[in-house]
């Protein structure tokens, strides 16, 4: 691609760009379901700011532009919930999503003691499901999001990271 996308931890300076990117990225998923009240589209800027401060949030940058984002948090039982993975539509298909996911997994295991990773994908988001399966996630169940969208829950053990941490 002749341009290098870097992955790093998000800072407070990235909040507005993450907020806008998330809004852009999840439009297509909302259209799939004819539901524009899905969580990533109704989340407030303040709520994104709180997540960046408290959770494990990574961004992909192309120059000064935030072109991808993911976040995760570890629950009491040692499982880490990873969510809101998004990559700018014009940069999809270049492995940025997989790199963001790896960065989050690695940090969640090494810094926050996660023993397994869990994420959920809307059952029609083929691209997301393909990516998650390719990097080792296995479907373990289904759920309905707070927005009513049927979700597939996927999990993966944090073994690979625990050993190297």
N, C-alpha and C. Protein backbone atom coordinates (compact mmCIF):
# COMPACT_ATOMS: atom_id res chain seq x y z
N UNK A 1 0.82 -1.22 0.00
CA UNK A 1 0.00 0.00 0.00
C UNK A 1 0.85 1.26 0.00
N UNK A 2 2.12 1.10 0.31
CA UNK A 2 3.02 2.25 0.27
C UNK A 2 2.75 3.26 1.38
N UNK A 3 1.95 2.86 2.37
CA UNK A 3 1.72 3.77 3.48
C UNK A 3 1.71 2.92 4.73
N UNK A 4 2.28 3.46 5.80
CA UNK A 4 2.34 2.57 6.95
C UNK A 4 1.35 2.97 8.01
N UNK A 5 0.56 1.99 8.40
CA UNK A 5 -0.43 2.18 9.44
C UNK A 5 0.19 1.70 10.74
N UNK A 6 0.20 2.55 11.76
CA UNK A 6 0.78 2.18 13.04
C UNK A 6 -0.31 1.90 14.06
N UNK A 7 -0.04 0.97 14.96
CA UNK A 7 -1.00 0.60 16.00
C UNK A 7 -0.44 1.06 17.34
N UNK A 8 -1.23 1.77 18.12
CA UNK A 8 -0.75 2.20 19.44
C UNK A 8 -1.93 2.38 20.39
N UNK A 9 -1.61 2.54 21.67
CA UNK A 9 -2.68 2.76 22.64
C UNK A 9 -3.31 4.12 22.40
N UNK A 10 -4.61 4.16 22.55
CA UNK A 10 -5.34 5.42 22.33
C UNK A 10 -5.08 6.37 23.49
N UNK A 11 -5.09 7.65 23.20
CA UNK A 11 -4.97 8.67 24.25
C UNK A 11 -6.22 9.54 24.20
N UNK A 12 -6.32 10.41 25.17
CA UNK A 12 -7.47 11.31 25.23
C UNK A 12 -7.59 12.16 23.96
N UNK A 13 -6.44 12.42 23.32
CA UNK A 13 -6.45 13.22 22.08
C UNK A 13 -7.17 12.51 20.94
N UNK A 14 -7.31 11.18 21.05
CA UNK A 14 -7.91 10.41 19.96
C UNK A 14 -9.42 10.27 20.07
N UNK A 15 -9.97 10.68 21.21
CA UNK A 15 -11.38 10.37 21.50
C UNK A 15 -12.34 10.83 20.41
N UNK A 16 -12.20 12.08 19.96
CA UNK A 16 -13.16 12.58 18.96
C UNK A 16 -13.03 11.85 17.64
N UNK A 17 -11.79 11.50 17.27
CA UNK A 17 -11.62 10.76 16.01
C UNK A 17 -12.19 9.34 16.13
N UNK A 18 -11.99 8.70 17.28
CA UNK A 18 -12.55 7.36 17.50
C UNK A 18 -14.08 7.43 17.40
N UNK A 19 -14.64 8.43 18.03
CA UNK A 19 -16.09 8.65 18.05
C UNK A 19 -16.63 8.78 16.62
N UNK A 20 -15.97 9.61 15.81
CA UNK A 20 -16.42 9.82 14.43
C UNK A 20 -16.22 8.57 13.58
N UNK A 21 -15.08 7.92 13.76
CA UNK A 21 -14.77 6.71 12.97
C UNK A 21 -15.78 5.61 13.26
N UNK A 22 -16.08 5.43 14.53
CA UNK A 22 -17.04 4.41 14.96
C UNK A 22 -18.39 4.68 14.30
N UNK A 23 -18.78 5.94 14.28
CA UNK A 23 -20.07 6.31 13.69
C UNK A 23 -20.09 5.97 12.20
N UNK A 24 -18.99 6.28 11.53
CA UNK A 24 -18.87 5.98 10.10
C UNK A 24 -18.89 4.47 9.84
N UNK A 25 -18.08 3.74 10.59
CA UNK A 25 -17.90 2.31 10.34
C UNK A 25 -19.16 1.49 10.59
N UNK A 26 -19.94 1.87 11.60
CA UNK A 26 -21.07 1.03 11.95
C UNK A 26 -22.35 1.38 11.19
N UNK A 27 -22.27 2.37 10.28
CA UNK A 27 -23.43 2.68 9.44
C UNK A 27 -23.83 1.48 8.60
N UNK A 28 -22.82 0.78 8.04
CA UNK A 28 -23.14 -0.33 7.14
C UNK A 28 -23.80 -1.48 7.90
N UNK A 29 -23.35 -1.70 9.15
CA UNK A 29 -23.97 -2.74 9.96
C UNK A 29 -25.41 -2.35 10.32
N UNK A 30 -25.62 -1.08 10.62
CA UNK A 30 -26.97 -0.59 10.93
C UNK A 30 -27.88 -0.82 9.73
N UNK A 31 -27.35 -0.56 8.54
CA UNK A 31 -28.13 -0.73 7.31
C UNK A 31 -28.52 -2.19 7.10
N UNK A 32 -27.60 -3.10 7.43
CA UNK A 32 -27.89 -4.54 7.31
C UNK A 32 -29.15 -4.92 8.08
N UNK A 33 -29.31 -4.29 9.23
CA UNK A 33 -30.42 -4.64 10.12
C UNK A 33 -31.57 -3.66 10.06
N UNK A 34 -31.38 -2.56 9.31
CA UNK A 34 -32.40 -1.53 9.30
C UNK A 34 -32.61 -0.99 10.70
N UNK A 35 -31.52 -0.96 11.50
CA UNK A 35 -31.61 -0.52 12.89
C UNK A 35 -30.51 0.50 13.17
N UNK A 36 -30.88 1.76 13.23
CA UNK A 36 -29.88 2.81 13.45
C UNK A 36 -29.73 3.17 14.92
N UNK A 37 -30.22 2.29 15.81
CA UNK A 37 -30.06 2.52 17.24
C UNK A 37 -29.04 1.54 17.84
N UNK A 38 -28.21 0.91 16.98
CA UNK A 38 -27.23 -0.02 17.54
C UNK A 38 -26.24 0.74 18.42
N UNK A 39 -25.71 0.03 19.41
CA UNK A 39 -24.87 0.66 20.44
C UNK A 39 -23.77 1.60 19.90
N UNK A 40 -22.95 1.16 18.93
CA UNK A 40 -21.86 2.05 18.50
C UNK A 40 -22.36 3.36 17.90
N UNK A 41 -23.60 3.40 17.41
CA UNK A 41 -24.12 4.62 16.80
C UNK A 41 -24.77 5.56 17.82
N UNK A 42 -25.16 5.02 18.97
CA UNK A 42 -25.82 5.88 19.96
C UNK A 42 -24.91 6.19 21.15
N UNK A 43 -23.70 5.63 21.14
CA UNK A 43 -22.78 5.90 22.25
C UNK A 43 -22.38 7.38 22.23
N UNK A 44 -22.34 8.00 23.40
CA UNK A 44 -21.99 9.43 23.48
C UNK A 44 -20.48 9.63 23.44
N UNK A 45 -20.08 10.83 23.08
CA UNK A 45 -18.66 11.19 23.07
C UNK A 45 -18.07 11.02 24.47
N UNK A 46 -18.78 11.42 25.49
CA UNK A 46 -18.30 11.27 26.87
C UNK A 46 -18.07 9.82 27.25
N UNK A 47 -18.98 8.97 26.79
CA UNK A 47 -18.85 7.54 27.08
C UNK A 47 -17.60 6.96 26.41
N UNK A 48 -17.31 7.39 25.18
CA UNK A 48 -16.09 6.96 24.50
C UNK A 48 -14.88 7.45 25.29
N UNK A 49 -14.95 8.70 25.76
CA UNK A 49 -13.84 9.27 26.53
C UNK A 49 -13.58 8.46 27.80
N UNK A 50 -14.65 8.03 28.47
CA UNK A 50 -14.50 7.22 29.68
C UNK A 50 -13.86 5.87 29.36
N UNK A 51 -14.27 5.27 28.24
CA UNK A 51 -13.69 3.98 27.86
C UNK A 51 -12.20 4.11 27.55
N UNK A 52 -11.83 5.17 26.85
CA UNK A 52 -10.41 5.38 26.54
C UNK A 52 -9.60 5.54 27.83
N UNK A 53 -10.19 6.19 28.82
CA UNK A 53 -9.48 6.41 30.09
C UNK A 53 -9.36 5.13 30.90
N UNK A 54 -10.41 4.31 30.91
CA UNK A 54 -10.46 3.17 31.82
C UNK A 54 -10.09 1.82 31.20
N UNK A 55 -10.40 1.67 29.92
CA UNK A 55 -10.24 0.36 29.29
C UNK A 55 -8.95 0.28 28.49
N UNK A 56 -8.81 -0.85 27.83
CA UNK A 56 -7.65 -1.09 26.99
C UNK A 56 -8.09 -0.73 25.56
N UNK A 57 -7.69 0.44 25.08
CA UNK A 57 -8.15 0.91 23.77
C UNK A 57 -6.96 1.14 22.85
N UNK A 58 -7.04 0.57 21.65
CA UNK A 58 -5.97 0.76 20.67
C UNK A 58 -6.53 1.43 19.42
N UNK A 59 -5.66 2.18 18.77
CA UNK A 59 -6.04 2.80 17.50
C UNK A 59 -5.02 2.45 16.43
N UNK A 60 -5.49 2.47 15.19
CA UNK A 60 -4.61 2.35 14.02
C UNK A 60 -4.53 3.76 13.44
N UNK A 61 -3.32 4.20 13.15
CA UNK A 61 -3.14 5.55 12.61
C UNK A 61 -2.47 5.51 11.25
N UNK A 62 -2.96 6.38 10.38
CA UNK A 62 -2.32 6.61 9.09
C UNK A 62 -1.97 8.08 9.14
N UNK A 63 -0.69 8.39 9.37
CA UNK A 63 -0.32 9.78 9.62
C UNK A 63 -1.01 10.23 10.90
N UNK A 64 -1.74 11.34 10.82
CA UNK A 64 -2.45 11.86 11.99
C UNK A 64 -3.88 11.35 12.10
N UNK A 65 -4.31 10.59 11.09
CA UNK A 65 -5.70 10.15 11.07
C UNK A 65 -5.90 8.81 11.76
N UNK A 66 -6.88 8.74 12.63
CA UNK A 66 -7.25 7.48 13.25
C UNK A 66 -8.12 6.72 12.24
N UNK A 67 -7.63 5.55 11.79
CA UNK A 67 -8.35 4.79 10.76
C UNK A 67 -8.86 3.44 11.27
N UNK A 68 -8.62 3.18 12.55
CA UNK A 68 -9.12 1.93 13.11
C UNK A 68 -9.09 2.01 14.62
N UNK A 69 -9.94 1.20 15.27
CA UNK A 69 -10.00 1.23 16.72
C UNK A 69 -10.59 -0.07 17.26
N UNK A 70 -10.20 -0.39 18.49
CA UNK A 70 -10.76 -1.56 19.17
C UNK A 70 -10.67 -1.30 20.66
N UNK A 71 -11.56 -1.91 21.46
CA UNK A 71 -11.37 -1.78 22.91
C UNK A 71 -11.72 -3.05 23.65
N UNK A 72 -11.11 -3.18 24.82
CA UNK A 72 -11.33 -4.37 25.61
C UNK A 72 -11.25 -4.07 27.09
N UNK A 73 -11.93 -4.90 27.89
CA UNK A 73 -11.84 -4.75 29.34
C UNK A 73 -11.94 -6.13 29.97
N UNK A 74 -11.23 -6.31 31.07
CA UNK A 74 -11.20 -7.61 31.73
C UNK A 74 -12.24 -7.66 32.85
N UNK A 75 -13.03 -8.73 32.85
CA UNK A 75 -14.04 -8.93 33.90
C UNK A 75 -13.42 -9.66 35.07
N UNK A 76 -14.16 -9.75 36.17
CA UNK A 76 -13.67 -10.41 37.40
C UNK A 76 -13.22 -11.85 37.13
N UNK A 77 -13.92 -12.54 36.22
CA UNK A 77 -13.61 -13.96 36.00
C UNK A 77 -12.40 -14.19 35.10
N UNK A 78 -11.71 -13.10 34.74
CA UNK A 78 -10.51 -13.26 33.92
C UNK A 78 -10.76 -13.26 32.43
N UNK A 79 -12.04 -13.19 32.03
CA UNK A 79 -12.30 -13.13 30.59
C UNK A 79 -12.30 -11.66 30.16
N UNK A 80 -11.74 -11.41 29.00
CA UNK A 80 -11.68 -10.05 28.49
C UNK A 80 -12.71 -9.88 27.39
N UNK A 81 -13.57 -8.89 27.53
CA UNK A 81 -14.54 -8.58 26.48
C UNK A 81 -13.89 -7.61 25.51
N UNK A 82 -13.86 -8.00 24.24
CA UNK A 82 -13.28 -7.13 23.21
C UNK A 82 -14.43 -6.66 22.32
N UNK A 83 -14.44 -5.38 22.01
CA UNK A 83 -15.55 -4.89 21.20
C UNK A 83 -15.24 -3.67 20.38
N UNK A 84 -16.24 -3.28 19.61
CA UNK A 84 -16.19 -2.07 18.77
C UNK A 84 -14.95 -2.02 17.89
N UNK A 85 -14.59 -3.18 17.34
CA UNK A 85 -13.48 -3.22 16.38
C UNK A 85 -13.98 -2.58 15.08
N UNK A 86 -13.29 -1.56 14.63
CA UNK A 86 -13.70 -0.96 13.35
C UNK A 86 -12.49 -0.44 12.59
N UNK A 87 -12.58 -0.52 11.28
CA UNK A 87 -11.54 -0.02 10.39
C UNK A 87 -12.23 0.82 9.32
N UNK A 88 -11.63 1.94 9.00
CA UNK A 88 -12.21 2.84 8.00
C UNK A 88 -12.54 2.07 6.72
N UNK A 89 -13.75 2.26 6.18
CA UNK A 89 -14.17 1.51 4.99
C UNK A 89 -13.15 1.51 3.84
N UNK A 90 -12.45 2.63 3.65
CA UNK A 90 -11.51 2.67 2.51
C UNK A 90 -10.23 1.89 2.78
N UNK A 91 -10.02 1.46 4.03
CA UNK A 91 -8.79 0.74 4.36
C UNK A 91 -9.05 -0.71 4.78
N UNK A 92 -10.28 -1.17 4.61
CA UNK A 92 -10.59 -2.54 4.99
C UNK A 92 -9.93 -3.52 4.03
N UNK A 93 -9.62 -4.72 4.54
CA UNK A 93 -9.03 -5.74 3.68
C UNK A 93 -7.51 -5.70 3.63
N UNK A 94 -6.89 -4.92 4.51
CA UNK A 94 -5.42 -4.85 4.54
C UNK A 94 -4.84 -5.40 5.83
N UNK A 95 -5.64 -6.13 6.60
CA UNK A 95 -5.12 -6.75 7.82
C UNK A 95 -5.07 -5.85 9.04
N UNK A 96 -5.63 -4.64 8.93
CA UNK A 96 -5.57 -3.69 10.06
C UNK A 96 -6.42 -4.20 11.23
N UNK A 97 -7.57 -4.77 10.93
CA UNK A 97 -8.43 -5.31 11.98
C UNK A 97 -7.74 -6.39 12.78
N UNK A 98 -7.04 -7.30 12.07
CA UNK A 98 -6.32 -8.38 12.75
C UNK A 98 -5.19 -7.82 13.62
N UNK A 99 -4.50 -6.79 13.14
CA UNK A 99 -3.42 -6.19 13.93
C UNK A 99 -3.96 -5.51 15.18
N UNK A 100 -5.09 -4.84 15.06
CA UNK A 100 -5.71 -4.19 16.23
C UNK A 100 -6.11 -5.24 17.26
N UNK A 101 -6.69 -6.33 16.75
CA UNK A 101 -7.14 -7.40 17.63
C UNK A 101 -5.95 -8.00 18.39
N UNK A 102 -4.87 -8.25 17.67
CA UNK A 102 -3.66 -8.82 18.30
C UNK A 102 -3.10 -7.89 19.37
N UNK A 103 -3.07 -6.59 19.08
CA UNK A 103 -2.55 -5.61 20.04
C UNK A 103 -3.40 -5.62 21.31
N UNK A 104 -4.71 -5.65 21.13
CA UNK A 104 -5.61 -5.65 22.29
C UNK A 104 -5.46 -6.94 23.09
N UNK A 105 -5.42 -8.08 22.40
CA UNK A 105 -5.27 -9.37 23.09
C UNK A 105 -3.99 -9.40 23.90
N UNK A 106 -2.91 -8.97 23.28
CA UNK A 106 -1.61 -9.00 23.92
C UNK A 106 -1.59 -8.13 25.18
N UNK A 107 -2.13 -6.92 25.08
CA UNK A 107 -2.15 -6.02 26.24
C UNK A 107 -3.08 -6.54 27.33
N UNK A 108 -4.23 -7.07 26.93
CA UNK A 108 -5.19 -7.57 27.91
C UNK A 108 -4.62 -8.76 28.69
N UNK A 109 -3.84 -9.60 28.00
CA UNK A 109 -3.25 -10.76 28.67
C UNK A 109 -2.04 -10.36 29.50
N UNK A 110 -1.13 -9.58 28.90
CA UNK A 110 0.13 -9.26 29.57
C UNK A 110 -0.04 -8.24 30.70
N UNK A 111 -0.84 -7.20 30.46
CA UNK A 111 -0.95 -6.13 31.46
C UNK A 111 -2.13 -6.32 32.41
N UNK A 112 -3.18 -7.00 31.93
CA UNK A 112 -4.40 -7.04 32.73
C UNK A 112 -4.83 -8.45 33.12
N UNK A 113 -3.98 -9.42 32.81
CA UNK A 113 -4.20 -10.78 33.30
C UNK A 113 -5.37 -11.56 32.69
N UNK A 114 -5.76 -11.20 31.50
CA UNK A 114 -6.87 -11.93 30.87
C UNK A 114 -6.47 -13.38 30.60
N UNK A 115 -7.37 -14.32 30.87
CA UNK A 115 -7.11 -15.73 30.58
C UNK A 115 -7.83 -16.18 29.32
N UNK A 116 -8.88 -15.45 28.95
CA UNK A 116 -9.52 -15.73 27.67
C UNK A 116 -10.18 -14.47 27.13
N UNK A 117 -10.39 -14.49 25.83
CA UNK A 117 -10.97 -13.33 25.15
C UNK A 117 -12.36 -13.70 24.66
N UNK A 118 -13.27 -12.75 24.75
CA UNK A 118 -14.63 -12.99 24.28
C UNK A 118 -15.06 -11.79 23.45
N UNK A 119 -15.71 -12.05 22.35
CA UNK A 119 -16.26 -10.96 21.57
C UNK A 119 -17.56 -11.42 20.96
N UNK A 120 -18.37 -10.47 20.55
CA UNK A 120 -19.61 -10.86 19.90
C UNK A 120 -19.70 -10.13 18.57
N UNK A 121 -20.28 -10.82 17.61
CA UNK A 121 -20.42 -10.26 16.26
C UNK A 121 -21.87 -10.42 15.83
N UNK A 122 -22.37 -9.41 15.16
CA UNK A 122 -23.73 -9.50 14.64
C UNK A 122 -23.76 -10.66 13.66
N UNK A 123 -24.82 -11.48 13.70
CA UNK A 123 -24.80 -12.71 12.93
C UNK A 123 -24.75 -12.50 11.42
N UNK A 124 -24.99 -11.29 10.95
CA UNK A 124 -24.88 -11.05 9.51
C UNK A 124 -23.56 -10.38 9.12
N UNK A 125 -22.71 -10.07 10.09
CA UNK A 125 -21.48 -9.36 9.68
C UNK A 125 -20.43 -10.38 9.29
N UNK A 126 -20.53 -10.83 8.04
CA UNK A 126 -19.67 -11.87 7.49
C UNK A 126 -18.19 -11.57 7.62
N UNK A 127 -17.82 -10.33 7.28
CA UNK A 127 -16.40 -9.96 7.33
C UNK A 127 -15.83 -10.12 8.72
N UNK A 128 -16.57 -9.64 9.71
CA UNK A 128 -16.12 -9.74 11.10
C UNK A 128 -15.99 -11.18 11.53
N UNK A 129 -17.00 -11.99 11.24
CA UNK A 129 -16.97 -13.40 11.64
C UNK A 129 -15.81 -14.14 10.99
N UNK A 130 -15.56 -13.84 9.72
CA UNK A 130 -14.43 -14.47 9.01
C UNK A 130 -13.12 -14.15 9.69
N UNK A 131 -12.93 -12.86 10.01
CA UNK A 131 -11.70 -12.42 10.67
C UNK A 131 -11.53 -13.12 12.00
N UNK A 132 -12.58 -13.14 12.83
CA UNK A 132 -12.46 -13.73 14.16
C UNK A 132 -12.13 -15.22 14.09
N UNK A 133 -12.75 -15.93 13.16
CA UNK A 133 -12.47 -17.37 13.04
C UNK A 133 -11.03 -17.58 12.57
N UNK A 134 -10.60 -16.74 11.66
CA UNK A 134 -9.24 -16.88 11.11
C UNK A 134 -8.19 -16.70 12.20
N UNK A 135 -8.47 -15.85 13.18
CA UNK A 135 -7.47 -15.63 14.23
C UNK A 135 -7.74 -16.48 15.47
N UNK A 136 -8.56 -17.52 15.31
CA UNK A 136 -8.67 -18.51 16.39
C UNK A 136 -9.88 -18.45 17.29
N UNK A 137 -10.83 -17.58 16.99
CA UNK A 137 -12.03 -17.52 17.82
C UNK A 137 -13.02 -18.62 17.41
N UNK A 138 -13.73 -19.17 18.39
CA UNK A 138 -14.71 -20.20 18.15
C UNK A 138 -16.06 -19.73 18.69
N UNK A 139 -17.12 -19.95 17.93
CA UNK A 139 -18.46 -19.56 18.38
C UNK A 139 -18.85 -20.43 19.56
N UNK A 140 -19.30 -19.80 20.65
CA UNK A 140 -19.69 -20.56 21.84
C UNK A 140 -21.16 -20.37 22.20
N UNK A 141 -21.85 -19.48 21.50
CA UNK A 141 -23.25 -19.27 21.83
C UNK A 141 -23.82 -18.07 21.10
N UNK A 142 -25.06 -17.76 21.42
CA UNK A 142 -25.70 -16.60 20.80
C UNK A 142 -26.32 -15.74 21.89
N UNK A 143 -26.65 -14.53 21.53
CA UNK A 143 -27.19 -13.59 22.49
C UNK A 143 -27.96 -12.54 21.68
N UNK A 144 -28.75 -11.75 22.36
CA UNK A 144 -29.38 -10.61 21.69
C UNK A 144 -28.78 -9.37 22.30
N UNK A 145 -28.30 -8.47 21.47
CA UNK A 145 -27.74 -7.22 21.98
C UNK A 145 -28.83 -6.40 22.63
N UNK A 146 -28.44 -5.40 23.41
CA UNK A 146 -29.41 -4.51 24.05
C UNK A 146 -30.25 -3.83 22.98
N UNK A 147 -29.71 -3.77 21.76
CA UNK A 147 -30.40 -3.12 20.64
C UNK A 147 -31.30 -4.11 19.88
N UNK A 148 -31.36 -5.37 20.37
CA UNK A 148 -32.24 -6.36 19.75
C UNK A 148 -31.62 -7.14 18.60
N UNK A 149 -30.38 -6.80 18.24
CA UNK A 149 -29.72 -7.50 17.13
C UNK A 149 -29.19 -8.86 17.61
N UNK A 150 -29.46 -9.95 16.87
CA UNK A 150 -28.93 -11.26 17.27
C UNK A 150 -27.40 -11.28 17.13
N UNK A 151 -26.71 -11.71 18.18
CA UNK A 151 -25.26 -11.72 18.19
C UNK A 151 -24.73 -13.14 18.33
N UNK A 152 -23.55 -13.37 17.75
CA UNK A 152 -22.85 -14.64 17.95
C UNK A 152 -21.70 -14.35 18.90
N UNK A 153 -21.59 -15.15 19.96
CA UNK A 153 -20.52 -14.94 20.94
C UNK A 153 -19.37 -15.88 20.59
N UNK A 154 -18.18 -15.33 20.51
CA UNK A 154 -16.99 -16.12 20.17
C UNK A 154 -15.97 -15.99 21.27
N UNK A 155 -15.20 -17.06 21.48
CA UNK A 155 -14.17 -17.04 22.52
C UNK A 155 -12.87 -17.64 22.02
N UNK A 156 -11.82 -17.31 22.73
CA UNK A 156 -10.48 -17.81 22.41
C UNK A 156 -9.67 -17.78 23.70
N UNK A 157 -8.89 -18.83 23.97
CA UNK A 157 -8.06 -18.86 25.17
C UNK A 157 -6.87 -17.92 24.98
N UNK A 158 -6.40 -17.35 26.09
CA UNK A 158 -5.29 -16.40 25.99
C UNK A 158 -3.93 -17.10 26.08
N UNK A 159 -3.95 -18.43 25.97
CA UNK A 159 -2.73 -19.23 26.13
C UNK A 159 -1.49 -18.72 25.44
N UNK A 160 -1.62 -18.39 24.16
CA UNK A 160 -0.45 -17.96 23.38
C UNK A 160 0.24 -16.77 24.02
N UNK A 161 -0.55 -15.85 24.56
CA UNK A 161 0.02 -14.64 25.11
C UNK A 161 0.58 -14.85 26.50
N UNK A 162 -0.14 -15.64 27.31
CA UNK A 162 0.31 -15.88 28.68
C UNK A 162 1.72 -16.45 28.71
N UNK A 163 2.00 -17.35 27.78
CA UNK A 163 3.30 -18.02 27.74
C UNK A 163 4.44 -17.04 27.44
N UNK A 164 4.19 -16.08 26.55
CA UNK A 164 5.26 -15.18 26.13
C UNK A 164 5.36 -13.94 27.01
N UNK A 165 4.32 -13.66 27.76
CA UNK A 165 4.30 -12.41 28.56
C UNK A 165 5.40 -12.42 29.60
